[in-house]
Amino acid sequence: MLRIGHGYDVHRLVPERKLILGGVEIPYELGLLGHSDADVLVHAIMDSMLGALALGDIGKHFPDNDMSFKDIDSMVLLEKVVALIEEKGYRLSNLDATVSAEKPKLAKYIPLMRERIAKVCKVDVDRVSIKATTEEGLGLKGEGIGATCVCLLMKIQ
């Protein structure tokens, strides 16, 4: 049996925060504001996986009023989601994600993002697609970064 999920996240860019996307620290003068490390890409991936099995969203599993998740590495949370998905008898088949950011340019960081996400999700890197785009001065207008993800989960045999 196959299950499809969709995830979306967006965070505001602010000074004095690291910019973490796909588990990779990106050199930039601004970072994303959030309770955890605010990795919008990993958050969208987790929401797509949780959504595929109708398990709610990351706010349900990792609430922002729980101090144990304050500034936590989102890759640690992704590990927890992967374990939950496996407990339910599923594993990731593939995912396709897009990051929307006016700045900084992300192309050179995407291969490392793919590798890190694939490792945590226990799949080959060719099952993890990550793309980056701008919004041509519309939408977030450089004030934030957003990400969307669609994933396909398959029943473990």
N, C-alpha and C. Protein backbone atom coordinates (compact mmCIF):
# COMPACT_ATOMS: atom_id res chain seq x y z
N MET A 1 0.84 -1.18 0.00
CA MET A 1 0.00 0.00 0.00
C MET A 1 0.89 1.25 0.00
N LEU A 2 0.49 2.23 -0.76
CA LEU A 2 1.21 3.50 -0.85
C LEU A 2 0.40 4.61 -0.19
N ARG A 3 1.10 5.55 0.42
CA ARG A 3 0.44 6.71 1.03
C ARG A 3 1.20 7.96 0.60
N ILE A 4 0.48 8.99 0.21
CA ILE A 4 1.07 10.25 -0.24
C ILE A 4 0.81 11.32 0.80
N GLY A 5 1.82 12.14 1.06
CA GLY A 5 1.67 13.24 2.01
C GLY A 5 2.23 14.53 1.45
N HIS A 6 1.72 15.64 1.96
CA HIS A 6 2.16 16.97 1.56
C HIS A 6 2.51 17.76 2.81
N GLY A 7 3.60 18.51 2.77
CA GLY A 7 3.98 19.35 3.90
C GLY A 7 4.38 20.74 3.43
N TYR A 8 4.18 21.71 4.32
CA TYR A 8 4.52 23.11 4.03
C TYR A 8 4.96 23.77 5.33
N ASP A 9 5.98 24.61 5.24
CA ASP A 9 6.40 25.39 6.40
C ASP A 9 7.02 26.69 5.91
N VAL A 10 6.96 27.70 6.77
CA VAL A 10 7.58 28.99 6.48
C VAL A 10 8.01 29.62 7.80
N HIS A 11 9.18 30.26 7.79
CA HIS A 11 9.67 30.99 8.96
C HIS A 11 10.25 32.32 8.52
N ARG A 12 10.18 33.28 9.43
CA ARG A 12 10.70 34.63 9.19
C ARG A 12 12.22 34.65 9.37
N LEU A 13 12.91 35.41 8.53
CA LEU A 13 14.35 35.64 8.66
C LEU A 13 14.59 36.74 9.68
N VAL A 14 15.54 36.50 10.59
CA VAL A 14 15.87 37.47 11.63
C VAL A 14 17.39 37.47 11.86
N PRO A 15 17.91 38.56 12.43
CA PRO A 15 19.34 38.56 12.77
C PRO A 15 19.62 37.67 13.99
N GLU A 16 20.89 37.35 14.16
CA GLU A 16 21.38 36.62 15.34
C GLU A 16 20.82 35.20 15.45
N ARG A 17 20.55 34.58 14.30
CA ARG A 17 20.16 33.17 14.25
C ARG A 17 20.94 32.52 13.12
N LYS A 18 21.29 31.25 13.29
CA LYS A 18 21.92 30.50 12.21
C LYS A 18 20.86 30.14 11.18
N LEU A 19 21.28 30.08 9.92
CA LEU A 19 20.39 29.63 8.86
C LEU A 19 20.69 28.15 8.61
N ILE A 20 19.73 27.31 8.97
CA ILE A 20 19.85 25.86 8.80
C ILE A 20 18.77 25.41 7.82
N LEU A 21 19.18 24.75 6.76
CA LEU A 21 18.23 24.21 5.78
C LEU A 21 18.67 22.80 5.40
N GLY A 22 17.77 21.86 5.50
CA GLY A 22 18.10 20.48 5.16
C GLY A 22 19.23 19.91 5.99
N GLY A 23 19.34 20.39 7.23
CA GLY A 23 20.39 19.91 8.12
C GLY A 23 21.76 20.50 7.82
N VAL A 24 21.81 21.53 6.98
CA VAL A 24 23.07 22.15 6.59
C VAL A 24 23.07 23.61 7.03
N GLU A 25 24.15 24.04 7.68
CA GLU A 25 24.27 25.45 8.05
C GLU A 25 24.74 26.24 6.83
N ILE A 26 23.95 27.23 6.45
CA ILE A 26 24.21 28.06 5.28
C ILE A 26 24.78 29.40 5.75
N PRO A 27 25.96 29.79 5.29
CA PRO A 27 26.50 31.10 5.69
C PRO A 27 25.59 32.23 5.18
N TYR A 28 25.06 33.01 6.10
CA TYR A 28 24.18 34.11 5.75
C TYR A 28 24.03 35.00 6.98
N GLU A 29 23.76 36.27 6.76
CA GLU A 29 23.67 37.21 7.90
C GLU A 29 22.37 37.08 8.69
N LEU A 30 21.40 36.35 8.17
CA LEU A 30 20.13 36.14 8.86
C LEU A 30 19.88 34.65 9.03
N GLY A 31 19.05 34.33 10.00
CA GLY A 31 18.63 32.95 10.21
C GLY A 31 17.14 32.90 10.39
N LEU A 32 16.61 31.71 10.52
CA LEU A 32 15.16 31.54 10.63
C LEU A 32 14.72 31.51 12.09
N LEU A 33 13.66 32.25 12.38
CA LEU A 33 13.11 32.35 13.72
C LEU A 33 12.17 31.17 13.97
N GLY A 34 12.38 30.50 15.10
CA GLY A 34 11.51 29.40 15.46
C GLY A 34 11.90 28.81 16.80
N HIS A 35 11.06 27.94 17.32
CA HIS A 35 11.30 27.30 18.62
C HIS A 35 12.48 26.33 18.53
N SER A 36 12.53 25.57 17.42
CA SER A 36 13.65 24.65 17.18
C SER A 36 14.70 25.42 16.40
N ASP A 37 15.49 24.72 15.59
CA ASP A 37 16.43 25.43 14.72
C ASP A 37 15.74 26.06 13.52
N ALA A 38 14.43 25.85 13.39
CA ALA A 38 13.57 26.47 12.36
C ALA A 38 13.93 26.04 10.94
N ASP A 39 14.40 24.82 10.78
CA ASP A 39 14.76 24.29 9.46
C ASP A 39 13.48 24.01 8.68
N VAL A 40 13.04 24.98 7.88
CA VAL A 40 11.76 24.86 7.18
C VAL A 40 11.71 23.68 6.23
N LEU A 41 12.84 23.34 5.63
CA LEU A 41 12.86 22.21 4.71
C LEU A 41 12.57 20.90 5.44
N VAL A 42 13.27 20.67 6.53
CA VAL A 42 13.05 19.44 7.29
C VAL A 42 11.65 19.44 7.90
N HIS A 43 11.15 20.59 8.31
CA HIS A 43 9.79 20.67 8.85
C HIS A 43 8.76 20.28 7.80
N ALA A 44 8.92 20.76 6.57
CA ALA A 44 7.99 20.40 5.50
C ALA A 44 8.07 18.90 5.20
N ILE A 45 9.27 18.35 5.24
CA ILE A 45 9.45 16.91 5.00
C ILE A 45 8.72 16.11 6.09
N MET A 46 8.93 16.50 7.36
CA MET A 46 8.27 15.79 8.45
C MET A 46 6.75 15.88 8.34
N ASP A 47 6.25 17.07 8.04
CA ASP A 47 4.80 17.23 7.91
C ASP A 47 4.24 16.38 6.77
N SER A 48 5.00 16.25 5.68
CA SER A 48 4.51 15.42 4.58
C SER A 48 4.46 13.95 5.00
N MET A 49 5.46 13.49 5.73
CA MET A 49 5.48 12.09 6.18
C MET A 49 4.37 11.82 7.19
N LEU A 50 4.20 12.73 8.14
CA LEU A 50 3.13 12.58 9.12
C LEU A 50 1.76 12.63 8.45
N GLY A 51 1.62 13.55 7.51
CA GLY A 51 0.35 13.70 6.80
C GLY A 51 -0.01 12.48 5.98
N ALA A 52 0.98 11.82 5.41
CA ALA A 52 0.72 10.63 4.60
C ALA A 52 0.02 9.55 5.40
N LEU A 53 0.28 9.50 6.70
CA LEU A 53 -0.35 8.50 7.56
C LEU A 53 -1.42 9.10 8.48
N ALA A 54 -1.84 10.34 8.18
CA ALA A 54 -2.87 11.03 8.96
C ALA A 54 -2.52 11.09 10.44
N LEU A 55 -1.25 11.42 10.74
CA LEU A 55 -0.77 11.47 12.12
C LEU A 55 -0.64 12.90 12.65
N GLY A 56 -1.27 13.84 11.98
CA GLY A 56 -1.19 15.22 12.44
C GLY A 56 0.03 15.92 11.85
N ASP A 57 0.51 16.93 12.58
CA ASP A 57 1.65 17.69 12.09
C ASP A 57 2.74 17.75 13.15
N ILE A 58 3.83 18.44 12.83
CA ILE A 58 4.95 18.47 13.78
C ILE A 58 4.60 19.22 15.06
N GLY A 59 3.68 20.17 14.98
CA GLY A 59 3.25 20.87 16.19
C GLY A 59 2.57 19.94 17.19
N LYS A 60 1.90 18.94 16.69
CA LYS A 60 1.26 17.95 17.57
C LYS A 60 2.31 17.08 18.25
N HIS A 61 3.34 16.69 17.51
CA HIS A 61 4.35 15.77 18.03
C HIS A 61 5.48 16.48 18.78
N PHE A 62 5.78 17.73 18.38
CA PHE A 62 6.89 18.49 18.97
C PHE A 62 6.42 19.92 19.26
N PRO A 63 5.52 20.10 20.22
CA PRO A 63 4.90 21.42 20.45
C PRO A 63 5.91 22.50 20.86
N ASP A 64 5.61 23.73 20.42
CA ASP A 64 6.54 24.83 20.70
C ASP A 64 6.44 25.34 22.14
N ASN A 65 5.57 24.76 22.94
CA ASN A 65 5.53 25.11 24.37
C ASN A 65 6.26 24.07 25.22
N ASP A 66 6.90 23.11 24.56
CA ASP A 66 7.70 22.09 25.25
C ASP A 66 9.16 22.50 25.15
N MET A 67 9.75 22.87 26.27
CA MET A 67 11.12 23.38 26.26
C MET A 67 12.16 22.33 25.88
N SER A 68 11.79 21.05 25.89
CA SER A 68 12.75 20.03 25.47
C SER A 68 13.04 20.13 23.97
N PHE A 69 12.21 20.86 23.23
CA PHE A 69 12.43 21.03 21.80
C PHE A 69 13.03 22.40 21.47
N LYS A 70 13.32 23.22 22.48
CA LYS A 70 13.87 24.55 22.26
C LYS A 70 15.23 24.44 21.59
N ASP A 71 15.37 25.06 20.42
CA ASP A 71 16.61 25.11 19.64
C ASP A 71 17.10 23.73 19.20
N ILE A 72 16.25 22.70 19.24
CA ILE A 72 16.66 21.35 18.86
C ILE A 72 16.98 21.28 17.37
N ASP A 73 17.91 20.44 17.03
CA ASP A 73 18.28 20.15 15.65
C ASP A 73 17.10 19.42 15.00
N SER A 74 16.56 19.97 13.94
CA SER A 74 15.40 19.37 13.28
C SER A 74 15.71 17.99 12.71
N MET A 75 16.97 17.70 12.45
CA MET A 75 17.32 16.36 11.97
C MET A 75 17.06 15.32 13.06
N VAL A 76 17.20 15.70 14.33
CA VAL A 76 16.86 14.80 15.44
C VAL A 76 15.36 14.53 15.43
N LEU A 77 14.58 15.56 15.16
CA LEU A 77 13.12 15.38 15.08
C LEU A 77 12.75 14.51 13.88
N LEU A 78 13.47 14.69 12.76
CA LEU A 78 13.21 13.86 11.59
C LEU A 78 13.48 12.39 11.90
N GLU A 79 14.53 12.12 12.66
CA GLU A 79 14.80 10.74 13.08
C GLU A 79 13.62 10.16 13.84
N LYS A 80 13.01 10.97 14.71
CA LYS A 80 11.86 10.53 15.49
C LYS A 80 10.66 10.26 14.58
N VAL A 81 10.45 11.10 13.57
CA VAL A 81 9.35 10.90 12.64
C VAL A 81 9.58 9.63 11.81
N VAL A 82 10.80 9.42 11.35
CA VAL A 82 11.11 8.21 10.59
C VAL A 82 10.83 6.97 11.45
N ALA A 83 11.21 7.02 12.73
CA ALA A 83 10.95 5.89 13.64
C ALA A 83 9.45 5.67 13.80
N LEU A 84 8.67 6.75 13.91
CA LEU A 84 7.22 6.64 14.05
C LEU A 84 6.60 6.02 12.79
N ILE A 85 7.06 6.47 11.64
CA ILE A 85 6.56 5.94 10.38
C ILE A 85 6.86 4.43 10.30
N GLU A 86 8.07 4.05 10.71
CA GLU A 86 8.44 2.63 10.70
C GLU A 86 7.58 1.82 11.67
N GLU A 87 7.28 2.41 12.85
CA GLU A 87 6.41 1.73 13.81
C GLU A 87 5.03 1.45 13.22
N LYS A 88 4.60 2.33 12.33
CA LYS A 88 3.29 2.17 11.68
C LYS A 88 3.37 1.24 10.48
N GLY A 89 4.57 0.69 10.21
CA GLY A 89 4.72 -0.28 9.13
C GLY A 89 5.03 0.31 7.77
N TYR A 90 5.55 1.53 7.74
CA TYR A 90 5.86 2.20 6.48
C TYR A 90 7.31 2.67 6.45
N ARG A 91 7.76 2.96 5.23
CA ARG A 91 9.06 3.60 5.05
C ARG A 91 8.95 4.55 3.87
N LEU A 92 9.88 5.46 3.79
CA LEU A 92 9.88 6.44 2.70
C LEU A 92 10.22 5.76 1.39
N SER A 93 9.42 6.02 0.37
CA SER A 93 9.77 5.60 -0.98
C SER A 93 10.57 6.71 -1.64
N ASN A 94 10.01 7.92 -1.64
CA ASN A 94 10.73 9.08 -2.17
C ASN A 94 10.05 10.36 -1.71
N LEU A 95 10.80 11.45 -1.82
CA LEU A 95 10.23 12.76 -1.52
C LEU A 95 10.73 13.77 -2.54
N ASP A 96 9.93 14.80 -2.73
CA ASP A 96 10.25 15.90 -3.63
C ASP A 96 9.93 17.19 -2.90
N ALA A 97 10.97 18.00 -2.64
CA ALA A 97 10.80 19.22 -1.86
C ALA A 97 11.32 20.43 -2.63
N THR A 98 10.71 21.58 -2.35
CA THR A 98 11.14 22.84 -2.93
C THR A 98 11.29 23.88 -1.82
N VAL A 99 12.42 24.57 -1.82
CA VAL A 99 12.66 25.67 -0.89
C VAL A 99 12.45 26.96 -1.65
N SER A 100 11.66 27.88 -1.08
CA SER A 100 11.42 29.20 -1.69
C SER A 100 12.17 30.25 -0.88
N ALA A 101 13.19 30.86 -1.52
CA ALA A 101 14.01 31.87 -0.83
C ALA A 101 14.54 32.86 -1.85
N GLU A 102 14.39 34.13 -1.56
CA GLU A 102 14.99 35.15 -2.42
C GLU A 102 16.51 35.12 -2.28
N LYS A 103 16.98 35.01 -1.06
CA LYS A 103 18.41 34.93 -0.75
C LYS A 103 18.55 34.04 0.46
N PRO A 104 19.67 33.41 0.64
CA PRO A 104 20.83 33.31 -0.23
C PRO A 104 20.59 32.27 -1.33
N LYS A 105 21.51 32.22 -2.27
CA LYS A 105 21.46 31.18 -3.30
C LYS A 105 21.80 29.85 -2.65
N LEU A 106 21.05 28.81 -2.99
CA LEU A 106 21.16 27.53 -2.28
C LEU A 106 21.71 26.38 -3.11
N ALA A 107 21.85 26.54 -4.42
CA ALA A 107 22.18 25.43 -5.31
C ALA A 107 23.40 24.62 -4.84
N LYS A 108 24.44 25.28 -4.39
CA LYS A 108 25.66 24.53 -4.05
C LYS A 108 25.52 23.73 -2.76
N TYR A 109 24.48 24.00 -1.96
CA TYR A 109 24.26 23.28 -0.70
C TYR A 109 23.30 22.09 -0.86
N ILE A 110 22.59 22.04 -1.97
CA ILE A 110 21.56 21.02 -2.16
C ILE A 110 22.13 19.59 -2.14
N PRO A 111 23.26 19.31 -2.77
CA PRO A 111 23.76 17.92 -2.69
C PRO A 111 23.98 17.44 -1.25
N LEU A 112 24.53 18.29 -0.39
CA LEU A 112 24.74 17.91 1.01
C LEU A 112 23.42 17.76 1.75
N MET A 113 22.46 18.64 1.47
CA MET A 113 21.13 18.51 2.07
C MET A 113 20.53 17.15 1.71
N ARG A 114 20.61 16.80 0.45
CA ARG A 114 20.05 15.53 -0.02
C ARG A 114 20.71 14.35 0.69
N GLU A 115 22.03 14.39 0.81
CA GLU A 115 22.76 13.31 1.47
C GLU A 115 22.33 13.16 2.92
N ARG A 116 22.27 14.28 3.64
CA ARG A 116 21.92 14.23 5.07
C ARG A 116 20.49 13.74 5.28
N ILE A 117 19.58 14.22 4.48
CA ILE A 117 18.18 13.81 4.62
C ILE A 117 18.02 12.34 4.25
N ALA A 118 18.65 11.92 3.17
CA ALA A 118 18.57 10.52 2.76
C ALA A 118 19.10 9.60 3.86
N LYS A 119 20.19 9.98 4.48
CA LYS A 119 20.78 9.15 5.54
C LYS A 119 19.79 8.97 6.70
N VAL A 120 19.20 10.06 7.16
CA VAL A 120 18.26 9.99 8.28
C VAL A 120 17.01 9.20 7.89
N CYS A 121 16.58 9.35 6.64
CA CYS A 121 15.37 8.66 6.18
C CYS A 121 15.64 7.22 5.74
N LYS A 122 16.91 6.82 5.77
CA LYS A 122 17.31 5.44 5.46
C LYS A 122 16.96 5.05 4.03
N VAL A 123 17.23 5.97 3.10
CA VAL A 123 17.01 5.71 1.68
C VAL A 123 18.23 6.16 0.88
N ASP A 124 18.32 5.70 -0.35
CA ASP A 124 19.37 6.17 -1.24
C ASP A 124 19.10 7.62 -1.60
N VAL A 125 20.17 8.36 -1.86
CA VAL A 125 20.05 9.78 -2.15
C VAL A 125 19.21 10.06 -3.40
N ASP A 126 19.13 9.09 -4.32
CA ASP A 126 18.32 9.32 -5.52
C ASP A 126 16.82 9.27 -5.24
N ARG A 127 16.45 9.04 -4.00
CA ARG A 127 15.03 9.09 -3.60
C ARG A 127 14.65 10.41 -2.93
N VAL A 128 15.63 11.31 -2.84
CA VAL A 128 15.43 12.62 -2.19
C VAL A 128 15.69 13.72 -3.21
N SER A 129 14.64 14.40 -3.62
CA SER A 129 14.75 15.52 -4.55
C SER A 129 14.55 16.83 -3.79
N ILE A 130 15.50 17.74 -3.96
CA ILE A 130 15.39 19.07 -3.35
C ILE A 130 15.70 20.09 -4.43
N LYS A 131 14.82 21.06 -4.52
CA LYS A 131 14.99 22.14 -5.48
C LYS A 131 14.89 23.47 -4.73
N ALA A 132 15.44 24.51 -5.32
CA ALA A 132 15.33 25.85 -4.74
C ALA A 132 14.82 26.80 -5.81
N THR A 133 14.01 27.73 -5.37
CA THR A 133 13.46 28.73 -6.28
C THR A 133 13.32 30.05 -5.54
N THR A 134 13.19 31.12 -6.30
CA THR A 134 12.82 32.41 -5.71
C THR A 134 11.34 32.61 -5.98
N GLU A 135 10.80 33.67 -5.40
CA GLU A 135 9.40 34.01 -5.67
C GLU A 135 9.34 35.29 -6.49
N GLU A 136 10.46 35.58 -7.19
CA GLU A 136 10.53 36.74 -8.09
C GLU A 136 10.08 38.04 -7.43
N GLY A 137 10.46 38.20 -6.13
CA GLY A 137 10.10 39.42 -5.42
C GLY A 137 8.67 39.45 -4.92
N LEU A 138 7.93 38.39 -5.13
CA LEU A 138 6.55 38.29 -4.66
C LEU A 138 6.54 37.46 -3.38
N GLY A 139 5.39 37.16 -2.85
CA GLY A 139 5.30 36.24 -1.72
C GLY A 139 6.12 36.67 -0.52
N LEU A 140 7.11 35.88 -0.16
CA LEU A 140 7.90 36.12 1.04
C LEU A 140 8.78 37.37 0.95
N LYS A 141 9.10 37.80 -0.25
CA LYS A 141 9.85 39.04 -0.50
C LYS A 141 11.13 39.16 0.31
N GLY A 142 11.82 38.08 0.54
CA GLY A 142 13.07 38.13 1.27
C GLY A 142 12.93 38.24 2.77
N GLU A 143 11.70 38.25 3.28
CA GLU A 143 11.49 38.36 4.72
C GLU A 143 11.44 37.02 5.41
N GLY A 144 11.38 35.95 4.61
CA GLY A 144 11.33 34.62 5.17
C GLY A 144 11.72 33.59 4.15
N ILE A 145 11.70 32.34 4.58
CA ILE A 145 11.97 31.21 3.68
C ILE A 145 10.88 30.18 3.91
N GLY A 146 10.39 29.62 2.83
CA GLY A 146 9.36 28.61 2.91
C GLY A 146 9.80 27.34 2.22
N ALA A 147 9.12 26.24 2.51
CA ALA A 147 9.42 24.98 1.85
C ALA A 147 8.15 24.15 1.74
N THR A 148 8.06 23.40 0.65
CA THR A 148 6.99 22.44 0.48
C THR A 148 7.60 21.08 0.17
N CYS A 149 6.85 20.04 0.47
CA CYS A 149 7.33 18.68 0.22
C CYS A 149 6.16 17.76 -0.06
N VAL A 150 6.35 16.89 -1.02
CA VAL A 150 5.43 15.79 -1.26
C VAL A 150 6.24 14.51 -1.09
N CYS A 151 5.67 13.55 -0.36
CA CYS A 151 6.39 12.29 -0.18
C CYS A 151 5.47 11.13 -0.47
N LEU A 152 6.10 10.01 -0.77
CA LEU A 152 5.39 8.76 -0.97
C LEU A 152 5.95 7.77 0.03
N LEU A 153 5.06 7.22 0.86
CA LEU A 153 5.44 6.18 1.81
C LEU A 153 4.92 4.86 1.29
N MET A 154 5.68 3.79 1.54
CA MET A 154 5.23 2.47 1.13
C MET A 154 5.24 1.52 2.32
N LYS A 155 4.32 0.59 2.28
CA LYS A 155 4.20 -0.42 3.33
C LYS A 155 5.45 -1.28 3.34
N ILE A 156 5.96 -1.54 4.54
CA ILE A 156 7.12 -2.42 4.69
C ILE A 156 6.64 -3.84 4.48
N GLN A 157 7.34 -4.59 3.65
CA GLN A 157 6.94 -5.97 3.34
C GLN A 157 7.23 -6.89 4.50
